[in-house]
PDB file of all heavy atoms in Angstrom:
ATOM      1  N   THR A   1     -40.284   0.096 -39.375  1.00  0.00           N
ATOM      2  CA  THR A   1     -38.922  -0.243 -38.977  1.00  0.00           C
ATOM      3  C   THR A   1     -38.878  -0.622 -37.497  1.00  0.00           C
ATOM      4  O   THR A   1     -39.816  -0.351 -36.747  1.00  0.00           O
ATOM      5  CB  THR A   1     -37.969   0.944 -39.221  1.00  0.00           C
ATOM      6  OG1 THR A   1     -38.379   2.045 -38.390  1.00  0.00           O
ATOM      7  CG2 THR A   1     -38.012   1.387 -40.674  1.00  0.00           C
ATOM      8  N   PRO A   2     -37.787  -1.243 -37.028  1.00  0.00           N
ATOM      9  CA  PRO A   2     -37.686  -1.611 -35.607  1.00  0.00           C
ATOM     10  C   PRO A   2     -37.705  -0.381 -34.699  1.00  0.00           C
ATOM     11  O   PRO A   2     -37.444   0.747 -35.139  1.00  0.00           O
ATOM     12  CB  PRO A   2     -36.336  -2.326 -35.537  1.00  0.00           C
ATOM     13  CG  PRO A   2     -36.042  -2.777 -36.922  1.00  0.00           C
ATOM     14  CD  PRO A   2     -36.637  -1.728 -37.809  1.00  0.00           C
ATOM     15  N   GLY A   3     -38.017  -0.602 -33.406  1.00  0.00           N
ATOM     16  CA  GLY A   3     -38.052   0.475 -32.427  1.00  0.00           C
ATOM     17  C   GLY A   3     -36.774   1.290 -32.426  1.00  0.00           C
ATOM     18  O   GLY A   3     -35.681   0.743 -32.558  1.00  0.00           O
ATOM     19  N   GLY A   4     -36.923   2.611 -32.302  1.00  0.00           N
ATOM     20  CA  GLY A   4     -35.763   3.501 -32.282  1.00  0.00           C
ATOM     21  C   GLY A   4     -35.427   4.109 -33.617  1.00  0.00           C
ATOM     22  O   GLY A   4     -34.559   4.990 -33.694  1.00  0.00           O
ATOM     23  N   LYS A   5     -36.095   3.682 -34.691  1.00  0.00           N
ATOM     24  CA  LYS A   5     -35.846   4.239 -36.023  1.00  0.00           C
ATOM     25  C   LYS A   5     -37.068   5.007 -36.497  1.00  0.00           C
ATOM     26  O   LYS A   5     -38.200   4.713 -36.127  1.00  0.00           O
ATOM     27  CB  LYS A   5     -35.504   3.117 -37.018  1.00  0.00           C
ATOM     28  CG  LYS A   5     -34.222   2.371 -36.684  1.00  0.00           C
ATOM     29  CD  LYS A   5     -33.914   1.312 -37.740  1.00  0.00           C
ATOM     30  CE  LYS A   5     -32.622   0.568 -37.406  1.00  0.00           C
ATOM     31  NZ  LYS A   5     -31.435   1.477 -37.468  1.00  0.00           N
ATOM     32  N   TRP A   6     -36.832   6.007 -37.352  1.00  0.00           N
ATOM     33  CA  TRP A   6     -37.910   6.867 -37.835  1.00  0.00           C
ATOM     34  C   TRP A   6     -38.762   6.155 -38.884  1.00  0.00           C
ATOM     35  O   TRP A   6     -38.254   5.381 -39.693  1.00  0.00           O
ATOM     36  CB  TRP A   6     -37.345   8.157 -38.426  1.00  0.00           C
ATOM     37  CG  TRP A   6     -36.829   9.104 -37.394  1.00  0.00           C
ATOM     38  CD1 TRP A   6     -35.524   9.326 -37.058  1.00  0.00           C
ATOM     39  CD2 TRP A   6     -37.607   9.955 -36.542  1.00  0.00           C
ATOM     40  NE1 TRP A   6     -35.435  10.259 -36.056  1.00  0.00           N
ATOM     41  CE2 TRP A   6     -36.698  10.666 -35.720  1.00  0.00           C
ATOM     42  CE3 TRP A   6     -38.971  10.191 -36.396  1.00  0.00           C
ATOM     43  CZ2 TRP A   6     -37.120  11.591 -34.768  1.00  0.00           C
ATOM     44  CZ3 TRP A   6     -39.395  11.110 -35.443  1.00  0.00           C
ATOM     45  CH2 TRP A   6     -38.476  11.796 -34.638  1.00  0.00           C
ATOM     46  N   ASN A   7     -40.055   6.431 -38.843  1.00  0.00           N
ATOM     47  CA  ASN A   7     -41.025   5.953 -39.821  1.00  0.00           C
ATOM     48  C   ASN A   7     -41.851   7.132 -40.307  1.00  0.00           C
ATOM     49  O   ASN A   7     -42.003   8.129 -39.590  1.00  0.00           O
ATOM     50  CB  ASN A   7     -41.981   4.933 -39.194  1.00  0.00           C
ATOM     51  CG  ASN A   7     -41.285   3.685 -38.723  1.00  0.00           C
ATOM     52  OD1 ASN A   7     -41.119   2.741 -39.486  1.00  0.00           O
ATOM     53  ND2 ASN A   7     -40.857   3.669 -37.469  1.00  0.00           N
ATOM     54  N   GLN A   8     -42.422   7.001 -41.494  1.00  0.00           N
ATOM     55  CA  GLN A   8     -43.359   8.020 -41.963  1.00  0.00           C
ATOM     56  C   GLN A   8     -44.742   7.394 -42.161  1.00  0.00           C
ATOM     57  O   GLN A   8     -44.863   6.324 -42.765  1.00  0.00           O
ATOM     58  CB  GLN A   8     -42.920   8.644 -43.290  1.00  0.00           C
ATOM     59  CG  GLN A   8     -43.843   9.809 -43.701  1.00  0.00           C
ATOM     60  CD  GLN A   8     -43.614  10.292 -45.125  1.00  0.00           C
ATOM     61  OE1 GLN A   8     -44.002   9.645 -46.095  1.00  0.00           O
ATOM     62  NE2 GLN A   8     -42.952  11.441 -45.246  1.00  0.00           N
ATOM     63  N   TYR A   9     -45.751   8.056 -41.623  1.00  0.00           N
ATOM     64  CA  TYR A   9     -47.142   7.706 -41.883  1.00  0.00           C
ATOM     65  C   TYR A   9     -47.767   8.803 -42.736  1.00  0.00           C
ATOM     66  O   TYR A   9     -47.426   9.990 -42.598  1.00  0.00           O
ATOM     67  CB  TYR A   9     -47.933   7.602 -40.580  1.00  0.00           C
ATOM     68  CG  TYR A   9     -47.864   6.262 -39.884  1.00  0.00           C
ATOM     69  CD1 TYR A   9     -47.019   5.247 -40.322  1.00  0.00           C
ATOM     70  CD2 TYR A   9     -48.650   6.005 -38.769  1.00  0.00           C
ATOM     71  CE1 TYR A   9     -46.967   4.024 -39.668  1.00  0.00           C
ATOM     72  CE2 TYR A   9     -48.606   4.799 -38.108  1.00  0.00           C
ATOM     73  CZ  TYR A   9     -47.762   3.805 -38.563  1.00  0.00           C
ATOM     74  OH  TYR A   9     -47.712   2.601 -37.906  1.00  0.00           O
ATOM     75  N   GLU A  10     -48.699   8.400 -43.572  1.00  0.00           N
ATOM     76  CA  GLU A  10     -49.480   9.356 -44.353  1.00  0.00           C
ATOM     77  C   GLU A  10     -50.938   8.929 -44.303  1.00  0.00           C
ATOM     78  O   GLU A  10     -51.257   7.751 -44.486  1.00  0.00           O
ATOM     79  CB  GLU A  10     -48.992   9.419 -45.799  1.00  0.00           C
ATOM     80  CG  GLU A  10     -49.766  10.417 -46.659  1.00  0.00           C
ATOM     81  CD  GLU A  10     -49.216  10.556 -48.069  1.00  0.00           C
ATOM     82  OE1 GLU A  10     -48.287   9.788 -48.419  1.00  0.00           O
ATOM     83  OE2 GLU A  10     -49.713  11.417 -48.819  1.00  0.00           O
ATOM     84  N   VAL A  11     -51.808   9.883 -44.044  1.00  0.00           N
ATOM     85  CA  VAL A  11     -53.249   9.645 -44.011  1.00  0.00           C
ATOM     86  C   VAL A  11     -53.894  10.586 -45.021  1.00  0.00           C
ATOM     87  O   VAL A  11     -53.780  11.807 -44.904  1.00  0.00           O
ATOM     88  CB  VAL A  11     -53.837   9.910 -42.606  1.00  0.00           C
ATOM     89  CG1 VAL A  11     -55.353   9.718 -42.619  1.00  0.00           C
ATOM     90  CG2 VAL A  11     -53.190   9.005 -41.567  1.00  0.00           C
ATOM     91  N   LYS A  12     -54.573  10.008 -46.015  1.00  0.00           N
ATOM     92  CA  LYS A  12     -55.328  10.792 -46.984  1.00  0.00           C
ATOM     93  C   LYS A  12     -56.807  10.513 -46.754  1.00  0.00           C
ATOM     94  O   LYS A  12     -57.250   9.367 -46.852  1.00  0.00           O
ATOM     95  CB  LYS A  12     -54.956  10.414 -48.412  1.00  0.00           C
ATOM     96  CG  LYS A  12     -53.631  10.943 -48.899  1.00  0.00           C
ATOM     97  CD  LYS A  12     -53.439  10.619 -50.383  1.00  0.00           C
ATOM     98  CE  LYS A  12     -52.111  11.156 -50.909  1.00  0.00           C
ATOM     99  NZ  LYS A  12     -51.917  10.830 -52.349  1.00  0.00           N
ATOM    100  N   ALA A  13     -57.551  11.569 -46.451  1.00  0.00           N
ATOM    101  CA  ALA A  13     -58.996  11.451 -46.252  1.00  0.00           C
ATOM    102  C   ALA A  13     -59.665  12.472 -47.155  1.00  0.00           C
ATOM    103  O   ALA A  13     -59.544  13.680 -46.933  1.00  0.00           O
ATOM    104  CB  ALA A  13     -59.356  11.698 -44.791  1.00  0.00           C
ATOM    105  N   ASP A  14     -60.349  11.980 -48.171  1.00  0.00           N
ATOM    106  CA  ASP A  14     -60.937  12.871 -49.170  1.00  0.00           C
ATOM    107  C   ASP A  14     -62.377  12.455 -49.440  1.00  0.00           C
ATOM    108  O   ASP A  14     -62.636  11.486 -50.145  1.00  0.00           O
ATOM    109  CB  ASP A  14     -60.116  12.821 -50.464  1.00  0.00           C
ATOM    110  CG  ASP A  14     -60.523  13.910 -51.456  1.00  0.00           C
ATOM    111  OD1 ASP A  14     -61.371  14.750 -51.113  1.00  0.00           O
ATOM    112  OD2 ASP A  14     -59.992  13.905 -52.576  1.00  0.00           O
ATOM    113  N   ARG A  15     -63.309  13.163 -48.793  1.00  0.00           N
ATOM    114  CA  ARG A  15     -64.735  12.917 -48.991  1.00  0.00           C
ATOM    115  C   ARG A  15     -65.105  11.454 -48.745  1.00  0.00           C
ATOM    116  O   ARG A  15     -65.829  10.832 -49.508  1.00  0.00           O
ATOM    117  CB  ARG A  15     -65.170  13.384 -50.376  1.00  0.00           C
ATOM    118  CG  ARG A  15     -65.052  14.901 -50.525  1.00  0.00           C
ATOM    119  CD  ARG A  15     -64.963  15.369 -51.955  1.00  0.00           C
ATOM    120  NE  ARG A  15     -64.744  16.826 -51.985  1.00  0.00           N
ATOM    121  CZ  ARG A  15     -63.564  17.415 -51.837  1.00  0.00           C
ATOM    122  NH1 ARG A  15     -62.477  16.685 -51.640  1.00  0.00           N
ATOM    123  NH2 ARG A  15     -63.455  18.727 -51.857  1.00  0.00           N
ATOM    124  N   GLY A  16     -64.555  10.935 -47.681  1.00  0.00           N
ATOM    125  CA  GLY A  16     -64.856   9.573 -47.274  1.00  0.00           C
ATOM    126  C   GLY A  16     -63.902   8.524 -47.796  1.00  0.00           C
ATOM    127  O   GLY A  16     -63.917   7.390 -47.313  1.00  0.00           O
ATOM    128  N   HIS A  17     -63.083   8.869 -48.776  1.00  0.00           N
ATOM    129  CA  HIS A  17     -62.095   7.919 -49.283  1.00  0.00           C
ATOM    130  C   HIS A  17     -60.849   8.005 -48.411  1.00  0.00           C
ATOM    131  O   HIS A  17     -60.177   9.034 -48.374  1.00  0.00           O
ATOM    132  CB  HIS A  17     -61.754   8.236 -50.741  1.00  0.00           C
ATOM    133  CG  HIS A  17     -60.802   7.260 -51.355  1.00  0.00           C
ATOM    134  ND1 HIS A  17     -60.086   7.544 -52.501  1.00  0.00           N
ATOM    135  CD2 HIS A  17     -60.435   5.995 -50.986  1.00  0.00           C
ATOM    136  CE1 HIS A  17     -59.329   6.505 -52.820  1.00  0.00           C
ATOM    137  NE2 HIS A  17     -59.518   5.554 -51.911  1.00  0.00           N
ATOM    138  N   LEU A  18     -60.543   6.935 -47.700  1.00  0.00           N
ATOM    139  CA  LEU A  18     -59.427   6.912 -46.758  1.00  0.00           C
ATOM    140  C   LEU A  18     -58.319   6.014 -47.279  1.00  0.00           C
ATOM    141  O   LEU A  18     -58.542   4.850 -47.607  1.00  0.00           O
ATOM    142  CB  LEU A  18     -59.895   6.404 -45.396  1.00  0.00           C
ATOM    143  CG  LEU A  18     -58.820   6.277 -44.316  1.00  0.00           C
ATOM    144  CD1 LEU A  18     -58.285   7.643 -43.912  1.00  0.00           C
ATOM    145  CD2 LEU A  18     -59.354   5.520 -43.098  1.00  0.00           C
ATOM    146  N   GLN A  19     -57.091   6.563 -47.337  1.00  0.00           N
ATOM    147  CA  GLN A  19     -55.916   5.797 -47.716  1.00  0.00           C
ATOM    148  C   GLN A  19     -54.831   5.998 -46.660  1.00  0.00           C
ATOM    149  O   GLN A  19     -54.566   7.131 -46.250  1.00  0.00           O
ATOM    150  CB  GLN A  19     -55.392   6.251 -49.079  1.00  0.00           C
ATOM    151  CG  GLN A  19     -56.389   6.096 -50.213  1.00  0.00           C
ATOM    152  CD  GLN A  19     -55.869   6.715 -51.497  1.00  0.00           C
ATOM    153  OE1 GLN A  19     -55.057   6.119 -52.206  1.00  0.00           O
ATOM    154  NE2 GLN A  19     -56.320   7.931 -51.798  1.00  0.00           N
ATOM    155  N   LEU A  20     -54.215   4.904 -46.247  1.00  0.00           N
ATOM    156  CA  LEU A  20     -53.137   4.957 -45.268  1.00  0.00           C
ATOM    157  C   LEU A  20     -51.852   4.443 -45.907  1.00  0.00           C
ATOM    158  O   LEU A  20     -51.860   3.407 -46.593  1.00  0.00           O
ATOM    159  CB  LEU A  20     -53.476   4.093 -44.044  1.00  0.00           C
ATOM    160  CG  LEU A  20     -54.779   4.406 -43.302  1.00  0.00           C
ATOM    161  CD1 LEU A  20     -54.900   3.517 -42.066  1.00  0.00           C
ATOM    162  CD2 LEU A  20     -54.886   5.869 -42.928  1.00  0.00           C
ATOM    163  N   PHE A  21     -50.755   5.156 -45.657  1.00  0.00           N
ATOM    164  CA  PHE A  21     -49.453   4.811 -46.209  1.00  0.00           C
ATOM    165  C   PHE A  21     -48.448   4.669 -45.076  1.00  0.00           C
ATOM    166  O   PHE A  21     -48.452   5.458 -44.132  1.00  0.00           O
ATOM    167  CB  PHE A  21     -48.957   5.898 -47.163  1.00  0.00           C
ATOM    168  CG  PHE A  21     -49.849   6.131 -48.369  1.00  0.00           C
ATOM    169  CD1 PHE A  21     -51.009   6.884 -48.253  1.00  0.00           C
ATOM    170  CD2 PHE A  21     -49.516   5.603 -49.605  1.00  0.00           C
ATOM    171  CE1 PHE A  21     -51.831   7.105 -49.354  1.00  0.00           C
ATOM    172  CE2 PHE A  21     -50.322   5.825 -50.720  1.00  0.00           C
ATOM    173  CZ  PHE A  21     -51.485   6.582 -50.587  1.00  0.00           C
ATOM    174  N   GLN A  22     -47.562   3.693 -45.212  1.00  0.00           N
ATOM    175  CA  GLN A  22     -46.523   3.443 -44.216  1.00  0.00           C
ATOM    176  C   GLN A  22     -45.180   3.403 -44.937  1.00  0.00           C
ATOM    177  O   GLN A  22     -44.943   2.531 -45.779  1.00  0.00           O
ATOM    178  CB  GLN A  22     -46.807   2.114 -43.518  1.00  0.00           C
ATOM    179  CG  GLN A  22     -45.931   1.807 -42.319  1.00  0.00           C
ATOM    180  CD  GLN A  22     -46.347   0.479 -41.702  1.00  0.00           C
ATOM    181  OE1 GLN A  22     -46.113  -0.576 -42.289  1.00  0.00           O
ATOM    182  NE2 GLN A  22     -46.957   0.535 -40.529  1.00  0.00           N
ATOM    183  N   ASN A  23     -44.341   4.387 -44.635  1.00  0.00           N
ATOM    184  CA  ASN A  23     -43.028   4.491 -45.274  1.00  0.00           C
ATOM    185  C   ASN A  23     -43.126   4.404 -46.795  1.00  0.00           C
ATOM    186  O   ASN A  23     -42.347   3.726 -47.469  1.00  0.00           O
ATOM    187  CB  ASN A  23     -42.081   3.420 -44.729  1.00  0.00           C
ATOM    188  CG  ASN A  23     -41.694   3.696 -43.283  1.00  0.00           C
ATOM    189  OD1 ASN A  23     -41.564   4.847 -42.876  1.00  0.00           O
ATOM    190  ND2 ASN A  23     -41.526   2.648 -42.491  1.00  0.00           N
ATOM    191  N   GLY A  24     -44.113   5.117 -47.337  1.00  0.00           N
ATOM    192  CA  GLY A  24     -44.276   5.222 -48.781  1.00  0.00           C
ATOM    193  C   GLY A  24     -45.107   4.140 -49.423  1.00  0.00           C
ATOM    194  O   GLY A  24     -45.408   4.213 -50.619  1.00  0.00           O
ATOM    195  N   HIS A  25     -45.524   3.128 -48.666  1.00  0.00           N
ATOM    196  CA  HIS A  25     -46.308   2.017 -49.204  1.00  0.00           C
ATOM    197  C   HIS A  25     -47.773   2.172 -48.797  1.00  0.00           C
ATOM    198  O   HIS A  25     -48.072   2.328 -47.611  1.00  0.00           O
ATOM    199  CB  HIS A  25     -45.785   0.683 -48.670  1.00  0.00           C
ATOM    200  CG  HIS A  25     -44.341   0.421 -48.987  1.00  0.00           C
ATOM    201  ND1 HIS A  25     -43.933  -0.171 -50.162  1.00  0.00           N
ATOM    202  CD2 HIS A  25     -43.213   0.689 -48.281  1.00  0.00           C
ATOM    203  CE1 HIS A  25     -42.615  -0.275 -50.171  1.00  0.00           C
ATOM    204  NE2 HIS A  25     -42.153   0.236 -49.045  1.00  0.00           N
ATOM    205  N   LYS A  26     -48.676   2.103 -49.774  1.00  0.00           N
ATOM    206  CA  LYS A  26     -50.097   2.122 -49.436  1.00  0.00           C
ATOM    207  C   LYS A  26     -50.458   0.792 -48.795  1.00  0.00           C
ATOM    208  O   LYS A  26     -50.243  -0.269 -49.362  1.00  0.00           O
ATOM    209  CB  LYS A  26     -50.957   2.360 -50.668  1.00  0.00           C
ATOM    210  CG  LYS A  26     -52.450   2.468 -50.336  1.00  0.00           C
ATOM    211  CD  LYS A  26     -53.319   2.440 -51.578  1.00  0.00           C
ATOM    212  CE  LYS A  26     -53.166   3.704 -52.399  1.00  0.00           C
ATOM    213  NZ  LYS A  26     -54.167   3.755 -53.511  1.00  0.00           N
ATOM    214  N   ILE A  27     -51.032   0.847 -47.596  1.00  0.00           N
ATOM    215  CA  ILE A  27     -51.339  -0.382 -46.874  1.00  0.00           C
ATOM    216  C   ILE A  27     -52.828  -0.566 -46.616  1.00  0.00           C
ATOM    217  O   ILE A  27     -53.271  -1.680 -46.344  1.00  0.00           O
ATOM    218  CB  ILE A  27     -50.562  -0.443 -45.537  1.00  0.00           C
ATOM    219  CG1 ILE A  27     -50.821   0.808 -44.698  1.00  0.00           C
ATOM    220  CG2 ILE A  27     -49.073  -0.636 -45.789  1.00  0.00           C
ATOM    221  CD1 ILE A  27     -50.211   0.755 -43.310  1.00  0.00           C
ATOM    222  N   ILE A  28     -53.612   0.514 -46.699  1.00  0.00           N
ATOM    223  CA  ILE A  28     -55.061   0.415 -46.511  1.00  0.00           C
ATOM    224  C   ILE A  28     -55.736   1.402 -47.457  1.00  0.00           C
ATOM    225  O   ILE A  28     -55.298   2.550 -47.595  1.00  0.00           O
ATOM    226  CB  ILE A  28     -55.461   0.711 -45.045  1.00  0.00           C
ATOM    227  CG1 ILE A  28     -55.050  -0.452 -44.133  1.00  0.00           C
ATOM    228  CG2 ILE A  28     -56.965   0.969 -44.920  1.00  0.00           C
ATOM    229  CD1 ILE A  28     -55.312  -0.236 -42.670  1.00  0.00           C
ATOM    230  N   ASP A  29     -56.811   0.944 -48.091  1.00  0.00           N
ATOM    231  CA  ASP A  29     -57.597   1.783 -49.000  1.00  0.00           C
ATOM    232  C   ASP A  29     -59.055   1.414 -48.787  1.00  0.00           C
ATOM    233  O   ASP A  29     -59.471   0.296 -49.099  1.00  0.00           O
ATOM    234  CB  ASP A  29     -57.161   1.532 -50.450  1.00  0.00           C
ATOM    235  CG  ASP A  29     -57.726   2.565 -51.428  1.00  0.00           C
ATOM    236  OD1 ASP A  29     -58.817   3.101 -51.156  1.00  0.00           O
ATOM    237  OD2 ASP A  29     -57.069   2.831 -52.450  1.00  0.00           O
ATOM    238  N   THR A  30     -59.824   2.327 -48.206  1.00  0.00           N
ATOM    239  CA  THR A  30     -61.205   2.003 -47.867  1.00  0.00           C
ATOM    240  C   THR A  30     -62.073   3.255 -47.958  1.00  0.00           C
ATOM    241  O   THR A  30     -61.586   4.337 -48.294  1.00  0.00           O
ATOM    242  CB  THR A  30     -61.279   1.394 -46.452  1.00  0.00           C
ATOM    243  OG1 THR A  30     -62.583   0.862 -46.222  1.00  0.00           O
ATOM    244  CG2 THR A  30     -60.957   2.429 -45.377  1.00  0.00           C
ATOM    245  N   HIS A  31     -63.348   3.107 -47.671  1.00  0.00           N
ATOM    246  CA  HIS A  31     -64.280   4.239 -47.672  1.00  0.00           C
ATOM    247  C   HIS A  31     -64.999   4.305 -46.326  1.00  0.00           C
ATOM    248  O   HIS A  31     -65.415   3.266 -45.777  1.00  0.00           O
ATOM    249  CB  HIS A  31     -65.295   4.112 -48.808  1.00  0.00           C
ATOM    250  CG  HIS A  31     -64.703   4.392 -50.155  1.00  0.00           C
ATOM    251  ND1 HIS A  31     -63.976   3.451 -50.853  1.00  0.00           N
ATOM    252  CD2 HIS A  31     -64.703   5.523 -50.920  1.00  0.00           C
ATOM    253  CE1 HIS A  31     -63.560   3.976 -52.006  1.00  0.00           C
ATOM    254  NE2 HIS A  31     -63.986   5.227 -52.064  1.00  0.00           N
ATOM    255  N   LEU A  32     -65.123   5.500 -45.834  1.00  0.00           N
ATOM    256  CA  LEU A  32     -65.804   5.734 -44.574  1.00  0.00           C
ATOM    257  C   LEU A  32     -67.291   5.994 -44.800  1.00  0.00           C
ATOM    258  O   LEU A  32     -67.705   6.417 -45.871  1.00  0.00           O
ATOM    259  CB  LEU A  32     -65.190   6.944 -43.860  1.00  0.00           C
ATOM    260  CG  LEU A  32     -63.677   6.956 -43.673  1.00  0.00           C
ATOM    261  CD1 LEU A  32     -63.246   8.262 -43.013  1.00  0.00           C
ATOM    262  CD2 LEU A  32     -63.221   5.765 -42.847  1.00  0.00           C
ATOM    263  N   TRP A  33     -68.061   5.717 -43.766  1.00  0.00           N
ATOM    264  CA  TRP A  33     -69.460   6.150 -43.658  1.00  0.00           C
ATOM    265  C   TRP A  33     -70.423   5.478 -44.630  1.00  0.00           C
ATOM    266  O   TRP A  33     -71.539   5.937 -44.796  1.00  0.00           O
ATOM    267  CB  TRP A  33     -69.543   7.680 -43.794  1.00  0.00           C
ATOM    268  CG  TRP A  33     -68.558   8.379 -42.906  1.00  0.00           C
ATOM    269  CD1 TRP A  33     -68.337   8.149 -41.565  1.00  0.00           C
ATOM    270  CD2 TRP A  33     -67.617   9.389 -43.277  1.00  0.00           C
ATOM    271  NE1 TRP A  33     -67.330   8.956 -41.089  1.00  0.00           N
ATOM    272  CE2 TRP A  33     -66.867   9.743 -42.108  1.00  0.00           C
ATOM    273  CE3 TRP A  33     -67.353  10.060 -44.477  1.00  0.00           C
ATOM    274  CZ2 TRP A  33     -65.876  10.699 -42.118  1.00  0.00           C
ATOM    275  CZ3 TRP A  33     -66.364  11.015 -44.489  1.00  0.00           C
ATOM    276  CH2 TRP A  33     -65.628  11.341 -43.324  1.00  0.00           C
TER     277      TRP A  33
END
């Protein structure tokens, strides 16, 4: 959202599986290492 409004981030890291969410939407799904 524009500056001054609240946003939610979520980071799921499970045994190298990384998922990033922005305001409820999955935006990145990758694997580490």
